[in-house]
Amino acid sequence: MIQTPYLLFLGDAPDTLAAKVAQGIKDWRPELAVGQLRLPGCNADMGIDDLTLDEAVAKGAKTLVIGVANRGGLISESWMGMLKSALAAGMDLASGLHKYLGDEPALVDLARQHGRTLHDVRIPSVAYPIANGKKRGGKRCLAVGSDCSIGKMYTALCVEREMRQRGMNATFRATGQTGILITGSGVPLDAVVADFMAGAVEYLTPDNDADHWDLIEGQGSIFHPSYSGVSMALIHGGQPDALILCDEPNRPHMRGLPEYRAQSLEQLRETALLLGRIVNPDCRVTGIALNTSAMDGDEAAEHVAMVEKQMGLPTVDPYRHGAERLVDALG
């Protein structure tokens, strides 16, 4: 169990998107974050108090959470001094990076010396089965994206929140490090051995009551050359009854790959449906979730209306405008 509250470590993140783990915790569990800690050159800002380690401990912080999700998931050498100091100050460390805290001898030794714990939330804790593709009871909705870091987790959380406010039977299913840190459970899907990824999604979304909805956090994109494998596992393991298309307007190319242009929503709908109907012939696209955080209010409203007319599907920014229409469309 990871102790709360957290101090969110932003390191030297080049922009807010690179600190999406911290952003997710701040937006969905703000009561867990006593403040943020930034290194020189950090361009990310969660809009909460900047604290030193001593100030954070005085405010009750129990765990320093690495709030950065960098390409490759590496522990930067520039962070090591602060991570060591956090252990010495009496805090645990938590990370969702691919490079494990437990593989850093200096951190392991310091944690042992100070009686602290290193939490690597991306280490799978279950021996997942190979997927069998059998139909399960209950209903499932998967957020699929035109690219990475585009709002798939936010969409699923917004839909779950709206469903719960209506008294519906719904569960958010976390599949990445941020979702796991927010909810306390889930499957670190991109750390599961490839042959077992779809089986891990079946495990995460088991047979359930007929009126129960699993809201599955999407990962990667079927169009992204680096991360399409995890997206395929979610589609085939999740057997979704409903797909919500997620997009951020005006992205010129796939994240981290300037030579690959962004794909259209029409192409996303066509491709995701083709793949989804392999495992669930009744799979359908029910709505579109746009991330309009870079737009002002009028521009966002205009773009949402344009996409809805273009695609013929209920379209909203669920974090900005609410997920009511996306839930209505699920029936």
C-alpha atoms as a PDB file:
ATOM      1  CA  MET A   1       0.000   0.000   0.000  1.00  0.00           C
ATOM      2  CA  ILE A   2       1.451   3.363  -1.047  1.00  0.00           C
ATOM      3  CA  GLN A   3       1.255   5.851   1.810  1.00  0.00           C
ATOM      4  CA  THR A   4      -0.459   9.170   1.210  1.00  0.00           C
ATOM      5  CA  PRO A   5      -0.381  12.133   0.934  1.00  0.00           C
ATOM      6  CA  TYR A   6       2.060  12.636  -1.922  1.00  0.00           C
ATOM      7  CA  LEU A   7       4.670  15.181  -2.890  1.00  0.00           C
ATOM      8  CA  LEU A   8       4.546  15.330  -6.701  1.00  0.00           C
ATOM      9  CA  PHE A   9       8.033  15.347  -8.202  1.00  0.00           C
ATOM     10  CA  LEU A  10       8.111  17.049 -11.611  1.00  0.00           C
ATOM     11  CA  GLY A  11      11.858  16.856 -12.074  1.00  0.00           C
ATOM     12  CA  ASP A  12      12.989  18.803 -15.122  1.00  0.00           C
ATOM     13  CA  ALA A  13       9.914  17.997 -17.230  1.00  0.00           C
ATOM     14  CA  PRO A  14      10.036  20.017 -20.487  1.00  0.00           C
ATOM     15  CA  ASP A  15       6.281  20.637 -20.531  1.00  0.00           C
ATOM     16  CA  THR A  16       3.076  19.822 -18.675  1.00  0.00           C
ATOM     17  CA  LEU A  17       2.282  16.883 -20.945  1.00  0.00           C
ATOM     18  CA  ALA A  18       5.546  15.247 -19.869  1.00  0.00           C
ATOM     19  CA  ALA A  19       4.290  15.438 -16.270  1.00  0.00           C
ATOM     20  CA  LYS A  20       0.993  13.708 -17.022  1.00  0.00           C
ATOM     21  CA  VAL A  21       1.270  11.380 -14.003  1.00  0.00           C
ATOM     22  CA  ALA A  22       1.381  14.355 -11.656  1.00  0.00           C
ATOM     23  CA  GLN A  23      -1.366  16.093 -13.630  1.00  0.00           C
ATOM     24  CA  GLY A  24      -3.657  13.097 -13.338  1.00  0.00           C
ATOM     25  CA  ILE A  25      -3.186  12.829  -9.577  1.00  0.00           C
ATOM     26  CA  LYS A  26      -3.672  16.571  -9.113  1.00  0.00           C
ATOM     27  CA  ASP A  27      -6.847  16.621 -11.227  1.00  0.00           C
ATOM     28  CA  TRP A  28      -8.482  13.456  -9.858  1.00  0.00           C
ATOM     29  CA  ARG A  29      -7.122  13.107  -6.330  1.00  0.00           C
ATOM     30  CA  PRO A  30      -6.095  16.667  -5.350  1.00  0.00           C
ATOM     31  CA  GLU A  31      -6.542  15.844  -1.674  1.00  0.00           C
ATOM     32  CA  LEU A  32      -3.601  13.445  -1.951  1.00  0.00           C
ATOM     33  CA  ALA A  33      -1.084  16.052  -3.173  1.00  0.00           C
ATOM     34  CA  VAL A  34       0.428  18.401  -0.566  1.00  0.00           C
ATOM     35  CA  GLY A  35       2.528  20.155  -3.197  1.00  0.00           C
ATOM     36  CA  GLN A  36       5.003  19.836  -6.047  1.00  0.00           C
ATOM     37  CA  LEU A  37       8.794  19.728  -6.244  1.00  0.00           C
ATOM     38  CA  ARG A  38      10.523  21.014  -9.377  1.00  0.00           C
ATOM     39  CA  LEU A  39      14.153  21.078 -10.470  1.00  0.00           C
ATOM     40  CA  PRO A  40      15.758  23.973 -12.365  1.00  0.00           C
ATOM     41  CA  GLY A  41      14.609  24.000 -15.988  1.00  0.00           C
ATOM     42  CA  CYS A  42      11.234  22.394 -15.252  1.00  0.00           C
ATOM     43  CA  ASN A  43       8.520  23.840 -17.497  1.00  0.00           C
ATOM     44  CA  ALA A  44       5.631  21.910 -15.952  1.00  0.00           C
ATOM     45  CA  ASP A  45       3.432  23.395 -13.248  1.00  0.00           C
ATOM     46  CA  MET A  46       0.462  21.769 -11.533  1.00  0.00           C
ATOM     47  CA  GLY A  47      -0.646  25.073 -10.019  1.00  0.00           C
ATOM     48  CA  ILE A  48      -0.097  23.856  -6.469  1.00  0.00           C
ATOM     49  CA  ASP A  49       2.437  24.863  -3.818  1.00  0.00           C
ATOM     50  CA  ASP A  50       6.128  24.491  -4.628  1.00  0.00           C
ATOM     51  CA  LEU A  51       7.669  22.838  -1.586  1.00  0.00           C
ATOM     52  CA  THR A  52      11.094  21.773  -0.427  1.00  0.00           C
ATOM     53  CA  LEU A  53      11.475  18.278   0.970  1.00  0.00           C
ATOM     54  CA  ASP A  54      11.492  19.606   4.542  1.00  0.00           C
ATOM     55  CA  GLU A  55       8.371  21.697   3.898  1.00  0.00           C
ATOM     56  CA  ALA A  56       6.603  18.696   2.378  1.00  0.00           C
ATOM     57  CA  VAL A  57       7.448  16.464   5.329  1.00  0.00           C
ATOM     58  CA  ALA A  58       6.209  19.158   7.692  1.00  0.00           C
ATOM     59  CA  LYS A  59       2.896  19.175   5.780  1.00  0.00           C
ATOM     60  CA  GLY A  60       2.608  15.418   6.190  1.00  0.00           C
ATOM     61  CA  ALA A  61       3.897  14.077   2.855  1.00  0.00           C
ATOM     62  CA  LYS A  62       4.622  10.345   3.096  1.00  0.00           C
ATOM     63  CA  THR A  63       5.623   9.497  -0.483  1.00  0.00           C
ATOM     64  CA  LEU A  64       7.494  11.308  -3.227  1.00  0.00           C
ATOM     65  CA  VAL A  65       5.755  10.318  -6.462  1.00  0.00           C
ATOM     66  CA  ILE A  66       7.695  10.668  -9.694  1.00  0.00           C
ATOM     67  CA  GLY A  67       5.103  12.546 -11.710  1.00  0.00           C
ATOM     68  CA  VAL A  68       6.951  12.430 -15.028  1.00  0.00           C
ATOM     69  CA  ALA A  69       6.306  10.017 -17.913  1.00  0.00           C
ATOM     70  CA  ASN A  70       9.256  10.418 -20.246  1.00  0.00           C
ATOM     71  CA  ARG A  71       9.983   8.558 -23.478  1.00  0.00           C
ATOM     72  CA  GLY A  72      11.520   5.234 -22.506  1.00  0.00           C
ATOM     73  CA  GLY A  73      10.475   5.589 -18.862  1.00  0.00           C
ATOM     74  CA  LEU A  74      13.982   6.309 -17.569  1.00  0.00           C
ATOM     75  CA  ILE A  75      15.130   7.582 -14.176  1.00  0.00           C
ATOM     76  CA  SER A  76      17.154  10.644 -15.081  1.00  0.00           C
ATOM     77  CA  GLU A  77      20.576  10.996 -13.517  1.00  0.00           C
ATOM     78  CA  SER A  78      19.649  14.612 -12.737  1.00  0.00           C
ATOM     79  CA  TRP A  79      16.901  13.355 -10.419  1.00  0.00           C
ATOM     80  CA  MET A  80      19.018  11.010  -8.314  1.00  0.00           C
ATOM     81  CA  GLY A  81      20.216  13.557  -5.781  1.00  0.00           C
ATOM     82  CA  MET A  82      16.658  14.610  -4.960  1.00  0.00           C
ATOM     83  CA  LEU A  83      15.393  11.029  -4.808  1.00  0.00           C
ATOM     84  CA  LYS A  84      18.138  10.136  -2.355  1.00  0.00           C
ATOM     85  CA  SER A  85      17.388  13.211  -0.275  1.00  0.00           C
ATOM     86  CA  ALA A  86      13.692  12.304  -0.146  1.00  0.00           C
ATOM     87  CA  LEU A  87      14.526   8.906   1.328  1.00  0.00           C
ATOM     88  CA  ALA A  88      16.826  10.513   3.869  1.00  0.00           C
ATOM     89  CA  ALA A  89      14.085  12.991   4.759  1.00  0.00           C
ATOM     90  CA  GLY A  90      11.758  10.122   5.654  1.00  0.00           C
ATOM     91  CA  MET A  91       9.653   9.689   2.535  1.00  0.00           C
ATOM     92  CA  ASP A  92       8.959   6.592   0.461  1.00  0.00           C
ATOM     93  CA  LEU A  93       9.363   6.748  -3.325  1.00  0.00           C
ATOM     94  CA  ALA A  94       6.771   5.718  -5.903  1.00  0.00           C
ATOM     95  CA  SER A  95       7.293   5.476  -9.640  1.00  0.00           C
ATOM     96  CA  GLY A  96       5.473   4.244 -12.699  1.00  0.00           C
ATOM     97  CA  LEU A  97       8.511   4.422 -14.967  1.00  0.00           C
ATOM     98  CA  HIS A  98       9.802   1.481 -16.974  1.00  0.00           C
ATOM     99  CA  LYS A  99      13.158   1.816 -15.212  1.00  0.00           C
ATOM    100  CA  TYR A 100      12.513   0.478 -11.735  1.00  0.00           C
ATOM    101  CA  LEU A 101      13.524   2.173  -8.513  1.00  0.00           C
ATOM    102  CA  GLY A 102      14.384  -1.271  -7.219  1.00  0.00           C
ATOM    103  CA  ASP A 103      17.060  -1.628  -9.898  1.00  0.00           C
ATOM    104  CA  GLU A 104      18.994   1.373  -8.565  1.00  0.00           C
ATOM    105  CA  PRO A 105      21.430   0.034  -5.931  1.00  0.00           C
ATOM    106  CA  ALA A 106      21.974   3.447  -4.341  1.00  0.00           C
ATOM    107  CA  LEU A 107      18.232   3.912  -3.794  1.00  0.00           C
ATOM    108  CA  VAL A 108      17.797   0.354  -2.519  1.00  0.00           C
ATOM    109  CA  ASP A 109      20.611   0.835   0.004  1.00  0.00           C
ATOM    110  CA  LEU A 110      19.280   4.194   1.204  1.00  0.00           C
ATOM    111  CA  ALA A 111      15.730   2.860   1.516  1.00  0.00           C
ATOM    112  CA  ARG A 112      16.985  -0.008   3.652  1.00  0.00           C
ATOM    113  CA  GLN A 113      19.126   2.327   5.745  1.00  0.00           C
ATOM    114  CA  HIS A 114      16.236   4.712   6.478  1.00  0.00           C
ATOM    115  CA  GLY A 115      13.466   2.127   6.706  1.00  0.00           C
ATOM    116  CA  ARG A 116      11.676   3.431   3.617  1.00  0.00           C
ATOM    117  CA  THR A 117       9.859   1.634   0.779  1.00  0.00           C
ATOM    118  CA  LEU A 118      10.344   1.821  -2.982  1.00  0.00           C
ATOM    119  CA  HIS A 119       7.107   1.352  -4.933  1.00  0.00           C
ATOM    120  CA  ASP A 120       7.390   0.386  -8.606  1.00  0.00           C
ATOM    121  CA  VAL A 121       3.749   0.375  -9.678  1.00  0.00           C
ATOM    122  CA  ARG A 122       4.587  -0.956 -13.143  1.00  0.00           C
ATOM    123  CA  ILE A 123       5.679  -4.340 -11.812  1.00  0.00           C
ATOM    124  CA  PRO A 124       2.814  -6.799 -12.462  1.00  0.00           C
ATOM    125  CA  SER A 125       1.647  -8.473  -9.264  1.00  0.00           C
ATOM    126  CA  VAL A 126      -0.360 -11.278 -10.913  1.00  0.00           C
ATOM    127  CA  ALA A 127       0.546 -14.186 -13.206  1.00  0.00           C
ATOM    128  CA  TYR A 128      -1.895 -13.242 -15.964  1.00  0.00           C
ATOM    129  CA  PRO A 129      -3.431 -15.884 -18.231  1.00  0.00           C
ATOM    130  CA  ILE A 130      -3.310 -16.044 -22.008  1.00  0.00           C
ATOM    131  CA  ALA A 131      -6.515 -14.589 -23.452  1.00  0.00           C
ATOM    132  CA  ASN A 132      -9.196 -17.047 -24.501  1.00  0.00           C
ATOM    133  CA  GLY A 133     -11.552 -14.646 -26.261  1.00  0.00           C
ATOM    134  CA  LYS A 134     -14.648 -16.083 -24.551  1.00  0.00           C
ATOM    135  CA  LYS A 135     -17.634 -13.779 -24.174  1.00  0.00           C
ATOM    136  CA  ARG A 136     -18.098 -12.421 -20.662  1.00  0.00           C
ATOM    137  CA  GLY A 137     -21.142 -11.018 -18.920  1.00  0.00           C
ATOM    138  CA  GLY A 138     -21.496  -7.304 -18.281  1.00  0.00           C
ATOM    139  CA  LYS A 139     -20.702  -4.392 -20.608  1.00  0.00           C
ATOM    140  CA  ARG A 140     -17.425  -2.701 -21.478  1.00  0.00           C
ATOM    141  CA  CYS A 141     -16.493   0.685 -22.873  1.00  0.00           C
ATOM    142  CA  LEU A 142     -12.975   1.384 -24.122  1.00  0.00           C
ATOM    143  CA  ALA A 143     -11.452   4.789 -24.805  1.00  0.00           C
ATOM    144  CA  VAL A 144      -9.344   4.606 -27.994  1.00  0.00           C
ATOM    145  CA  GLY A 145      -7.102   7.435 -29.111  1.00  0.00           C
ATOM    146  CA  SER A 146      -5.773   8.930 -32.280  1.00  0.00           C
ATOM    147  CA  ASP A 147      -2.437   9.303 -30.449  1.00  0.00           C
ATOM    148  CA  CYS A 148      -0.740   8.896 -27.053  1.00  0.00           C
ATOM    149  CA  SER A 149      -1.285  11.266 -24.106  1.00  0.00           C
ATOM    150  CA  ILE A 150      -4.533  12.534 -25.547  1.00  0.00           C
ATOM    151  CA  GLY A 151      -7.116  12.096 -22.775  1.00  0.00           C
ATOM    152  CA  LYS A 152      -8.156   8.441 -22.791  1.00  0.00           C
ATOM    153  CA  MET A 153      -7.801   8.032 -19.022  1.00  0.00           C
ATOM    154  CA  TYR A 154      -9.626  11.308 -18.342  1.00  0.00           C
ATOM    155  CA  THR A 155     -12.448  10.216 -20.647  1.00  0.00           C
ATOM    156  CA  ALA A 156     -12.945   6.891 -18.862  1.00  0.00           C
ATOM    157  CA  LEU A 157     -12.806   8.558 -15.434  1.00  0.00           C
ATOM    158  CA  CYS A 158     -15.298  11.240 -16.495  1.00  0.00           C
ATOM    159  CA  VAL A 159     -17.717   8.622 -17.816  1.00  0.00           C
ATOM    160  CA  GLU A 160     -17.388   6.580 -14.620  1.00  0.00           C
ATOM    161  CA  ARG A 161     -18.024   9.660 -12.471  1.00  0.00           C
ATOM    162  CA  GLU A 162     -21.163  10.542 -14.444  1.00  0.00           C
ATOM    163  CA  MET A 163     -22.432   6.969 -14.263  1.00  0.00           C
ATOM    164  CA  ARG A 164     -21.902   6.800 -10.519  1.00  0.00           C
ATOM    165  CA  GLN A 165     -23.689  10.135 -10.048  1.00  0.00           C
ATOM    166  CA  ARG A 166     -26.658   8.543 -11.840  1.00  0.00           C
ATOM    167  CA  GLY A 167     -26.514   5.508  -9.564  1.00  0.00           C
ATOM    168  CA  MET A 168     -25.327   3.231 -12.368  1.00  0.00           C
ATOM    169  CA  ASN A 169     -23.189   0.142 -11.815  1.00  0.00           C
ATOM    170  CA  ALA A 170     -19.775   1.164 -13.187  1.00  0.00           C
ATOM    171  CA  THR A 171     -16.050   0.650 -12.511  1.00  0.00           C
ATOM    172  CA  PHE A 172     -13.037   2.471 -13.908  1.00  0.00           C
ATOM    173  CA  ARG A 173     -10.364  -0.051 -14.883  1.00  0.00           C
ATOM    174  CA  ALA A 174      -6.855   1.390 -14.716  1.00  0.00           C
ATOM    175  CA  THR A 175      -4.292   0.054 -17.179  1.00  0.00           C
ATOM    176  CA  GLY A 176      -1.393   2.484 -16.629  1.00  0.00           C
ATOM    177  CA  GLN A 177       0.697   3.925 -13.858  1.00  0.00           C
ATOM    178  CA  THR A 178      -1.280   7.133 -13.400  1.00  0.00           C
ATOM    179  CA  GLY A 179      -4.612   5.353 -13.187  1.00  0.00           C
ATOM    180  CA  ILE A 180      -3.182   2.889 -10.690  1.00  0.00           C
ATOM    181  CA  LEU A 181      -1.825   5.725  -8.515  1.00  0.00           C
ATOM    182  CA  ILE A 182      -5.214   7.470  -8.682  1.00  0.00           C
ATOM    183  CA  THR A 183      -7.403   4.465  -7.901  1.00  0.00           C
ATOM    184  CA  GLY A 184      -5.035   2.159  -6.041  1.00  0.00           C
ATOM    185  CA  SER A 185      -5.486  -0.833  -8.346  1.00  0.00           C
ATOM    186  CA  GLY A 186      -5.262  -1.956 -11.950  1.00  0.00           C
ATOM    187  CA  VAL A 187      -2.979  -3.647 -14.455  1.00  0.00           C
ATOM    188  CA  PRO A 188       0.321  -2.024 -15.563  1.00  0.00           C
ATOM    189  CA  LEU A 189      -0.388  -3.264 -19.056  1.00  0.00           C
ATOM    190  CA  ASP A 190       2.694  -2.101 -20.918  1.00  0.00           C
ATOM    191  CA  ALA A 191       4.866  -3.990 -18.407  1.00  0.00           C
ATOM    192  CA  VAL A 192       3.074  -7.311 -19.024  1.00  0.00           C
ATOM    193  CA  VAL A 193       4.812  -9.838 -21.299  1.00  0.00           C
ATOM    194  CA  ALA A 194       3.295  -9.446 -24.765  1.00  0.00           C
ATOM    195  CA  ASP A 195       1.642 -12.882 -24.992  1.00  0.00           C
ATOM    196  CA  PHE A 196      -0.267 -12.190 -21.762  1.00  0.00           C
ATOM    197  CA  MET A 197      -1.408  -8.590 -22.327  1.00  0.00           C
ATOM    198  CA  ALA A 198      -4.845  -9.438 -23.748  1.00  0.00           C
ATOM    199  CA  GLY A 199      -5.281 -12.020 -20.987  1.00  0.00           C
ATOM    200  CA  ALA A 200      -4.445  -9.361 -18.410  1.00  0.00           C
ATOM    201  CA  VAL A 201      -7.277  -7.212 -19.797  1.00  0.00           C
ATOM    202  CA  GLU A 202      -9.666 -10.173 -19.588  1.00  0.00           C
ATOM    203  CA  TYR A 203      -8.545 -10.625 -15.966  1.00  0.00           C
ATOM    204  CA  LEU A 204      -9.099  -6.922 -15.271  1.00  0.00           C
ATOM    205  CA  THR A 205     -12.619  -6.918 -16.766  1.00  0.00           C
ATOM    206  CA  PRO A 206     -14.125 -10.228 -15.631  1.00  0.00           C
ATOM    207  CA  ASP A 207     -17.594 -11.673 -16.025  1.00  0.00           C
ATOM    208  CA  ASN A 208     -20.028  -9.307 -14.326  1.00  0.00           C
ATOM    209  CA  ASP A 209     -23.668  -8.352 -13.811  1.00  0.00           C
ATOM    210  CA  ALA A 210     -25.635  -7.597 -16.961  1.00  0.00           C
ATOM    211  CA  ASP A 211     -26.030  -3.908 -16.035  1.00  0.00           C
ATOM    212  CA  HIS A 212     -22.401  -3.390 -15.010  1.00  0.00           C
ATOM    213  CA  TRP A 213     -20.121  -1.188 -17.123  1.00  0.00           C
ATOM    214  CA  ASP A 214     -16.337  -1.466 -17.079  1.00  0.00           C
ATOM    215  CA  LEU A 215     -14.805   1.824 -18.222  1.00  0.00           C
ATOM    216  CA  ILE A 216     -11.433   0.726 -19.569  1.00  0.00           C
ATOM    217  CA  GLU A 217      -8.536   3.158 -19.645  1.00  0.00           C
ATOM    218  CA  GLY A 218      -7.018   3.211 -23.118  1.00  0.00           C
ATOM    219  CA  GLN A 219      -3.284   3.170 -23.820  1.00  0.00           C
ATOM    220  CA  GLY A 220      -1.169   4.224 -26.774  1.00  0.00           C
ATOM    221  CA  SER A 221      -2.789   4.280 -30.186  1.00  0.00           C
ATOM    222  CA  ILE A 222      -3.332   1.707 -32.900  1.00  0.00           C
ATOM    223  CA  PHE A 223      -1.672   4.217 -35.240  1.00  0.00           C
ATOM    224  CA  HIS A 224       1.458   4.801 -33.128  1.00  0.00           C
ATOM    225  CA  PRO A 225       4.441   2.748 -34.351  1.00  0.00           C
ATOM    226  CA  SER A 226       5.922   2.639 -30.847  1.00  0.00           C
ATOM    227  CA  TYR A 227       2.860   1.749 -28.761  1.00  0.00           C
ATOM    228  CA  SER A 228       0.256   0.051 -30.949  1.00  0.00           C
ATOM    229  CA  GLY A 229       0.762  -3.353 -29.313  1.00  0.00           C
ATOM    230  CA  VAL A 230      -0.765  -2.327 -26.008  1.00  0.00           C
ATOM    231  CA  SER A 231      -3.714  -0.740 -27.846  1.00  0.00           C
ATOM    232  CA  MET A 232      -4.422  -3.993 -29.680  1.00  0.00           C
ATOM    233  CA  ALA A 233      -4.337  -5.950 -26.418  1.00  0.00           C
ATOM    234  CA  LEU A 234      -6.930  -3.616 -24.921  1.00  0.00           C
ATOM    235  CA  ILE A 235      -9.258  -3.994 -27.880  1.00  0.00           C
ATOM    236  CA  HIS A 236      -9.036  -7.769 -28.079  1.00  0.00           C
ATOM    237  CA  GLY A 237      -8.848  -8.453 -24.339  1.00  0.00           C
ATOM    238  CA  GLY A 238     -11.514  -5.894 -23.505  1.00  0.00           C
ATOM    239  CA  GLN A 239     -14.061  -7.110 -26.072  1.00  0.00           C
ATOM    240  CA  PRO A 240     -15.657  -3.649 -25.910  1.00  0.00           C
ATOM    241  CA  ASP A 241     -19.335  -3.155 -26.510  1.00  0.00           C
ATOM    242  CA  ALA A 242     -18.691   0.570 -26.968  1.00  0.00           C
ATOM    243  CA  LEU A 243     -15.762   2.634 -28.183  1.00  0.00           C
ATOM    244  CA  ILE A 244     -15.257   6.322 -27.437  1.00  0.00           C
ATOM    245  CA  LEU A 245     -12.885   8.020 -29.856  1.00  0.00           C
ATOM    246  CA  CYS A 246     -10.401  10.382 -28.170  1.00  0.00           C
ATOM    247  CA  ASP A 247      -8.590  13.172 -29.989  1.00  0.00           C
ATOM    248  CA  GLU A 248      -6.714  16.402 -29.382  1.00  0.00           C
ATOM    249  CA  PRO A 249      -7.397  18.949 -32.136  1.00  0.00           C
ATOM    250  CA  ASN A 250      -4.525  20.368 -34.162  1.00  0.00           C
ATOM    251  CA  ARG A 251      -1.842  17.820 -33.305  1.00  0.00           C
ATOM    252  CA  PRO A 252       0.477  17.938 -36.320  1.00  0.00           C
ATOM    253  CA  HIS A 253       2.037  14.503 -35.818  1.00  0.00           C
ATOM    254  CA  MET A 254       2.163  11.462 -33.569  1.00  0.00           C
ATOM    255  CA  ARG A 255       3.691  12.264 -30.160  1.00  0.00           C
ATOM    256  CA  GLY A 256       7.467  11.852 -30.302  1.00  0.00           C
ATOM    257  CA  LEU A 257       7.454  10.929 -34.006  1.00  0.00           C
ATOM    258  CA  PRO A 258       7.368  14.061 -36.198  1.00  0.00           C
ATOM    259  CA  GLU A 259       7.662  11.986 -39.353  1.00  0.00           C
ATOM    260  CA  TYR A 260       4.292  10.307 -38.701  1.00  0.00           C
ATOM    261  CA  ARG A 261       1.283  12.541 -39.290  1.00  0.00           C
ATOM    262  CA  ALA A 262      -1.785  12.413 -37.076  1.00  0.00           C
ATOM    263  CA  GLN A 263      -4.665  10.285 -38.378  1.00  0.00           C
ATOM    264  CA  SER A 264      -8.237  11.458 -38.854  1.00  0.00           C
ATOM    265  CA  LEU A 265     -11.174  10.589 -36.646  1.00  0.00           C
ATOM    266  CA  GLU A 266     -12.777   8.881 -39.638  1.00  0.00           C
ATOM    267  CA  GLN A 267      -9.752   6.616 -39.961  1.00  0.00           C
ATOM    268  CA  LEU A 268      -9.765   5.933 -36.215  1.00  0.00           C
ATOM    269  CA  ARG A 269     -13.446   4.974 -36.275  1.00  0.00           C
ATOM    270  CA  GLU A 270     -13.025   2.677 -39.253  1.00  0.00           C
ATOM    271  CA  THR A 271      -9.902   0.940 -37.966  1.00  0.00           C
ATOM    272  CA  ALA A 272     -10.990   0.596 -34.323  1.00  0.00           C
ATOM    273  CA  LEU A 273     -14.357  -0.860 -35.337  1.00  0.00           C
ATOM    274  CA  LEU A 274     -12.707  -3.355 -37.679  1.00  0.00           C
ATOM    275  CA  LEU A 275     -10.456  -4.572 -34.861  1.00  0.00           C
ATOM    276  CA  GLY A 276     -13.143  -4.461 -32.180  1.00  0.00           C
ATOM    277  CA  ARG A 277     -15.595  -6.546 -34.170  1.00  0.00           C
ATOM    278  CA  ILE A 278     -13.096  -9.386 -34.415  1.00  0.00           C
ATOM    279  CA  VAL A 279     -13.854 -10.192 -30.760  1.00  0.00           C
ATOM    280  CA  ASN A 280     -17.272  -8.540 -30.402  1.00  0.00           C
ATOM    281  CA  PRO A 281     -19.395  -8.347 -33.554  1.00  0.00           C
ATOM    282  CA  ASP A 282     -21.749  -5.925 -31.762  1.00  0.00           C
ATOM    283  CA  CYS A 283     -19.013  -3.394 -30.985  1.00  0.00           C
ATOM    284  CA  ARG A 284     -19.983   0.171 -31.913  1.00  0.00           C
ATOM    285  CA  VAL A 285     -18.593   3.674 -31.687  1.00  0.00           C
ATOM    286  CA  THR A 286     -20.852   5.702 -29.412  1.00  0.00           C
ATOM    287  CA  GLY A 287     -19.187   9.095 -29.033  1.00  0.00           C
ATOM    288  CA  ILE A 288     -16.159  11.347 -29.328  1.00  0.00           C
ATOM    289  CA  ALA A 289     -14.124  12.901 -26.512  1.00  0.00           C
ATOM    290  CA  LEU A 290     -11.984  15.899 -27.438  1.00  0.00           C
ATOM    291  CA  ASN A 291      -9.149  17.336 -25.375  1.00  0.00           C
ATOM    292  CA  THR A 292      -9.635  21.084 -25.864  1.00  0.00           C
ATOM    293  CA  SER A 293      -7.335  22.197 -23.054  1.00  0.00           C
ATOM    294  CA  ALA A 294      -5.246  24.280 -25.473  1.00  0.00           C
ATOM    295  CA  MET A 295      -8.319  26.243 -26.669  1.00  0.00           C
ATOM    296  CA  ASP A 296     -10.309  29.058 -25.115  1.00  0.00           C
ATOM    297  CA  GLY A 297     -13.989  28.514 -24.362  1.00  0.00           C
ATOM    298  CA  ASP A 298     -15.437  29.838 -27.610  1.00  0.00           C
ATOM    299  CA  GLU A 299     -12.892  28.084 -29.783  1.00  0.00           C
ATOM    300  CA  ALA A 300     -13.485  24.816 -27.966  1.00  0.00           C
ATOM    301  CA  ALA A 301     -17.265  25.043 -28.328  1.00  0.00           C
ATOM    302  CA  GLU A 302     -16.949  25.829 -32.021  1.00  0.00           C
ATOM    303  CA  HIS A 303     -14.591  22.932 -32.648  1.00  0.00           C
ATOM    304  CA  VAL A 304     -16.734  20.466 -30.694  1.00  0.00           C
ATOM    305  CA  ALA A 305     -19.785  21.461 -32.729  1.00  0.00           C
ATOM    306  CA  MET A 306     -17.860  21.131 -35.985  1.00  0.00           C
ATOM    307  CA  VAL A 307     -16.615  17.624 -35.144  1.00  0.00           C
ATOM    308  CA  GLU A 308     -20.084  16.501 -34.064  1.00  0.00           C
ATOM    309  CA  LYS A 309     -21.542  17.644 -37.381  1.00  0.00           C
ATOM    310  CA  GLN A 310     -18.656  16.058 -39.289  1.00  0.00           C
ATOM    311  CA  MET A 311     -18.812  12.676 -37.509  1.00  0.00           C
ATOM    312  CA  GLY A 312     -22.510  12.411 -36.634  1.00  0.00           C
ATOM    313  CA  LEU A 313     -21.684  11.322 -33.075  1.00  0.00           C
ATOM    314  CA  PRO A 314     -22.166  12.964 -29.652  1.00  0.00           C
ATOM    315  CA  THR A 315     -19.002  15.027 -29.131  1.00  0.00           C
ATOM    316  CA  VAL A 316     -17.798  16.739 -25.939  1.00  0.00           C
ATOM    317  CA  ASP A 317     -14.713  17.593 -23.961  1.00  0.00           C
ATOM    318  CA  PRO A 318     -15.748  15.396 -21.010  1.00  0.00           C
ATOM    319  CA  TYR A 319     -13.385  16.988 -18.497  1.00  0.00           C
ATOM    320  CA  ARG A 320     -14.368  20.520 -19.483  1.00  0.00           C
ATOM    321  CA  HIS A 321     -18.047  20.094 -20.333  1.00  0.00           C
ATOM    322  CA  GLY A 322     -19.058  16.887 -18.545  1.00  0.00           C
ATOM    323  CA  ALA A 323     -19.678  13.376 -19.816  1.00  0.00           C
ATOM    324  CA  GLU A 324     -23.483  13.389 -19.735  1.00  0.00           C
ATOM    325  CA  ARG A 325     -23.956  13.006 -23.489  1.00  0.00           C
ATOM    326  CA  LEU A 326     -21.346  10.254 -23.706  1.00  0.00           C
ATOM    327  CA  VAL A 327     -23.200   8.286 -21.020  1.00  0.00           C
ATOM    328  CA  ASP A 328     -26.557   8.956 -22.705  1.00  0.00           C
ATOM    329  CA  ALA A 329     -25.166   7.475 -25.917  1.00  0.00           C
ATOM    330  CA  LEU A 330     -24.194   4.214 -24.203  1.00  0.00           C
ATOM    331  CA  GLY A 331     -27.887   3.480 -23.676  1.00  0.00           C
END
